[in-house]
Amino acid sequence: MTTNDLHFLSDGRLEITMTSGTNRYHKSQSQIVVEEREDQNYCPIYALESWFTILNISDGPLFRPVNRHGNIQETTSMSGQSIYIVVKKWADNRCPSSFRHENNSNTLIHSNPLNK
């Protein structure tokens, strides 16, 4: 995902356009519109604007790797696998495993169309 995929709308919302290559002849495109939240602690739009300001980002990759010396790589993007590892480590440190498993089980039970 790059900054070109993000469009800050005049009404305070954020539009995210994601393109994924399903095969070499066809690309799939999805759009998500994110609403601004009153509490800045939980507002993804405020978090992105702060991220851009702190890192002085105007274009390029949104998620950038950090090398072992703590330097942010300006022109390369984190892989999906790297993002997964970071989020998983963060969740493992902050969420009790029983909470994660309970929520996952409930999600599977409620979203499975065979359980009627």
C-alpha atoms as a PDB file:
ATOM      1  CA  MET A   1       0.000   0.000   0.000  1.00  0.00           C
ATOM      2  CA  THR A   2       1.337   3.410  -0.927  1.00  0.00           C
ATOM      3  CA  THR A   3       0.276   6.969  -0.262  1.00  0.00           C
ATOM      4  CA  ASN A   4      -1.253   6.983  -3.770  1.00  0.00           C
ATOM      5  CA  ASP A   5      -3.859   4.503  -2.481  1.00  0.00           C
ATOM      6  CA  LEU A   6      -5.107   6.995   0.136  1.00  0.00           C
ATOM      7  CA  HIS A   7      -7.433   9.884  -0.681  1.00  0.00           C
ATOM      8  CA  PHE A   8      -8.340  12.328   2.079  1.00  0.00           C
ATOM      9  CA  LEU A   9     -11.813  13.632   1.216  1.00  0.00           C
ATOM     10  CA  SER A  10     -12.982  17.186   1.891  1.00  0.00           C
ATOM     11  CA  ASP A  11     -15.663  15.986   4.343  1.00  0.00           C
ATOM     12  CA  GLY A  12     -13.035  14.450   6.665  1.00  0.00           C
ATOM     13  CA  ARG A  13     -13.370  10.866   5.447  1.00  0.00           C
ATOM     14  CA  LEU A  14     -10.585   8.736   4.009  1.00  0.00           C
ATOM     15  CA  GLU A  15     -10.970   6.672   0.845  1.00  0.00           C
ATOM     16  CA  ILE A  16      -8.591   3.739   0.413  1.00  0.00           C
ATOM     17  CA  THR A  17      -8.260   2.160  -3.029  1.00  0.00           C
ATOM     18  CA  MET A  18      -6.648  -1.260  -3.071  1.00  0.00           C
ATOM     19  CA  THR A  19      -5.638  -3.062  -6.245  1.00  0.00           C
ATOM     20  CA  SER A  20      -4.623  -6.684  -6.202  1.00  0.00           C
ATOM     21  CA  GLY A  21      -3.482  -8.754  -9.131  1.00  0.00           C
ATOM     22  CA  THR A  22      -5.705 -11.802  -9.294  1.00  0.00           C
ATOM     23  CA  ASN A  23      -3.918 -13.055 -12.377  1.00  0.00           C
ATOM     24  CA  ARG A  24      -1.830 -11.527 -15.129  1.00  0.00           C
ATOM     25  CA  TYR A  25      -4.852 -10.436 -17.190  1.00  0.00           C
ATOM     26  CA  HIS A  26      -7.216  -9.074 -14.562  1.00  0.00           C
ATOM     27  CA  LYS A  27      -6.732  -6.817 -11.548  1.00  0.00           C
ATOM     28  CA  SER A  28      -9.246  -6.581  -8.765  1.00  0.00           C
ATOM     29  CA  GLN A  29      -9.895  -3.175  -7.194  1.00  0.00           C
ATOM     30  CA  SER A  30     -11.648  -2.443  -3.908  1.00  0.00           C
ATOM     31  CA  GLN A  31     -12.526   0.843  -2.250  1.00  0.00           C
ATOM     32  CA  ILE A  32     -13.020   1.406   1.455  1.00  0.00           C
ATOM     33  CA  VAL A  33     -14.247   4.650   2.979  1.00  0.00           C
ATOM     34  CA  VAL A  34     -13.193   5.290   6.575  1.00  0.00           C
ATOM     35  CA  GLU A  35     -15.207   7.667   8.739  1.00  0.00           C
ATOM     36  CA  GLU A  36     -13.512  10.150  11.042  1.00  0.00           C
ATOM     37  CA  ARG A  37     -14.042   9.450  14.769  1.00  0.00           C
ATOM     38  CA  GLU A  38     -14.526  12.084  17.443  1.00  0.00           C
ATOM     39  CA  ASP A  39     -11.998  10.515  19.844  1.00  0.00           C
ATOM     40  CA  GLN A  40      -8.557  10.990  18.274  1.00  0.00           C
ATOM     41  CA  ASN A  41      -7.223   8.044  20.307  1.00  0.00           C
ATOM     42  CA  TYR A  42      -9.343   5.723  18.139  1.00  0.00           C
ATOM     43  CA  CYS A  43      -9.411   7.634  14.850  1.00  0.00           C
ATOM     44  CA  PRO A  44      -7.547   5.875  12.002  1.00  0.00           C
ATOM     45  CA  ILE A  45      -7.530   9.074   9.939  1.00  0.00           C
ATOM     46  CA  TYR A  46      -5.834  11.028  12.729  1.00  0.00           C
ATOM     47  CA  ALA A  47      -3.343   8.173  13.187  1.00  0.00           C
ATOM     48  CA  LEU A  48      -2.409   8.234   9.474  1.00  0.00           C
ATOM     49  CA  GLU A  49      -2.035  12.015   9.421  1.00  0.00           C
ATOM     50  CA  SER A  50       0.210  11.796  12.514  1.00  0.00           C
ATOM     51  CA  TRP A  51       2.243   9.004  10.879  1.00  0.00           C
ATOM     52  CA  PHE A  52       2.783  11.160   7.780  1.00  0.00           C
ATOM     53  CA  THR A  53       3.829  14.134   9.911  1.00  0.00           C
ATOM     54  CA  ILE A  54       6.187  12.222  12.199  1.00  0.00           C
ATOM     55  CA  LEU A  55       7.965  10.459   9.327  1.00  0.00           C
ATOM     56  CA  ASN A  56       7.673  13.384   6.909  1.00  0.00           C
ATOM     57  CA  ILE A  57       5.979  11.138   4.327  1.00  0.00           C
ATOM     58  CA  SER A  58       4.551  12.740   1.213  1.00  0.00           C
ATOM     59  CA  ASP A  59       4.666   9.775  -1.156  1.00  0.00           C
ATOM     60  CA  GLY A  60       5.884   6.198  -1.399  1.00  0.00           C
ATOM     61  CA  PRO A  61       5.180   3.121   0.704  1.00  0.00           C
ATOM     62  CA  LEU A  62       2.921   3.495   3.719  1.00  0.00           C
ATOM     63  CA  PHE A  63       4.472   0.679   5.763  1.00  0.00           C
ATOM     64  CA  ARG A  64       8.265   0.793   5.667  1.00  0.00           C
ATOM     65  CA  PRO A  65      10.735  -1.670   7.143  1.00  0.00           C
ATOM     66  CA  VAL A  66      13.163  -0.678   9.876  1.00  0.00           C
ATOM     67  CA  ASN A  67      16.627  -2.219   9.735  1.00  0.00           C
ATOM     68  CA  ARG A  68      18.502  -3.621  12.750  1.00  0.00           C
ATOM     69  CA  HIS A  69      20.136  -0.221  13.317  1.00  0.00           C
ATOM     70  CA  GLY A  70      16.726   1.483  13.639  1.00  0.00           C
ATOM     71  CA  ASN A  71      16.877   3.236  10.259  1.00  0.00           C
ATOM     72  CA  ILE A  72      13.631   3.472   8.300  1.00  0.00           C
ATOM     73  CA  GLN A  73      13.972   2.303   4.708  1.00  0.00           C
ATOM     74  CA  GLU A  74      12.572   5.174   2.651  1.00  0.00           C
ATOM     75  CA  THR A  75      11.923   3.525  -0.701  1.00  0.00           C
ATOM     76  CA  THR A  76      11.000  -0.058   0.131  1.00  0.00           C
ATOM     77  CA  SER A  77       7.718  -1.394   1.418  1.00  0.00           C
ATOM     78  CA  MET A  78       7.159  -3.989   4.120  1.00  0.00           C
ATOM     79  CA  SER A  79       5.957  -7.322   2.815  1.00  0.00           C
ATOM     80  CA  GLY A  80       2.568  -8.675   3.826  1.00  0.00           C
ATOM     81  CA  GLN A  81       4.337 -11.382   5.824  1.00  0.00           C
ATOM     82  CA  SER A  82       6.365  -8.767   7.735  1.00  0.00           C
ATOM     83  CA  ILE A  83       3.228  -6.792   8.592  1.00  0.00           C
ATOM     84  CA  TYR A  84       1.548 -10.004   9.786  1.00  0.00           C
ATOM     85  CA  ILE A  85       4.506 -10.804  12.070  1.00  0.00           C
ATOM     86  CA  VAL A  86       4.523  -7.302  13.597  1.00  0.00           C
ATOM     87  CA  VAL A  87       0.751  -7.329  14.231  1.00  0.00           C
ATOM     88  CA  LYS A  88       0.861 -10.866  15.651  1.00  0.00           C
ATOM     89  CA  LYS A  89       3.695  -9.977  18.070  1.00  0.00           C
ATOM     90  CA  TRP A  90       1.812  -6.855  19.147  1.00  0.00           C
ATOM     91  CA  ALA A  91      -1.399  -8.839  19.725  1.00  0.00           C
ATOM     92  CA  ASP A  92       0.431 -11.616  21.599  1.00  0.00           C
ATOM     93  CA  ASN A  93       1.896  -9.054  23.999  1.00  0.00           C
ATOM     94  CA  ARG A  94      -1.368  -7.172  24.610  1.00  0.00           C
ATOM     95  CA  CYS A  95      -4.233  -9.647  24.383  1.00  0.00           C
ATOM     96  CA  PRO A  96      -4.626 -12.668  26.643  1.00  0.00           C
ATOM     97  CA  SER A  97      -4.684 -15.815  24.525  1.00  0.00           C
ATOM     98  CA  SER A  98      -8.026 -16.904  26.005  1.00  0.00           C
ATOM     99  CA  PHE A  99      -9.602 -13.644  24.775  1.00  0.00           C
ATOM    100  CA  ARG A 100      -8.239 -14.110  21.237  1.00  0.00           C
ATOM    101  CA  HIS A 101      -9.336 -17.757  21.045  1.00  0.00           C
ATOM    102  CA  GLU A 102     -12.781 -17.000  22.472  1.00  0.00           C
ATOM    103  CA  ASN A 103     -13.384 -14.198  19.972  1.00  0.00           C
ATOM    104  CA  ASN A 104     -12.102 -16.304  17.065  1.00  0.00           C
ATOM    105  CA  SER A 105     -14.379 -19.192  18.072  1.00  0.00           C
ATOM    106  CA  ASN A 106     -17.391 -16.891  18.333  1.00  0.00           C
ATOM    107  CA  THR A 107     -16.609 -15.354  14.968  1.00  0.00           C
ATOM    108  CA  LEU A 108     -16.363 -18.761  13.335  1.00  0.00           C
ATOM    109  CA  ILE A 109     -19.588 -19.982  14.934  1.00  0.00           C
ATOM    110  CA  HIS A 110     -21.586 -16.883  13.999  1.00  0.00           C
ATOM    111  CA  SER A 111     -20.226 -16.536  10.485  1.00  0.00           C
ATOM    112  CA  ASN A 112     -20.516 -20.194   9.479  1.00  0.00           C
ATOM    113  CA  PRO A 113     -23.670 -20.569   7.336  1.00  0.00           C
ATOM    114  CA  LEU A 114     -23.839 -24.302   8.154  1.00  0.00           C
ATOM    115  CA  ASN A 115     -24.547 -23.609  11.856  1.00  0.00           C
ATOM    116  CA  LYS A 116     -28.260 -22.906  11.902  1.00  0.00           C
END
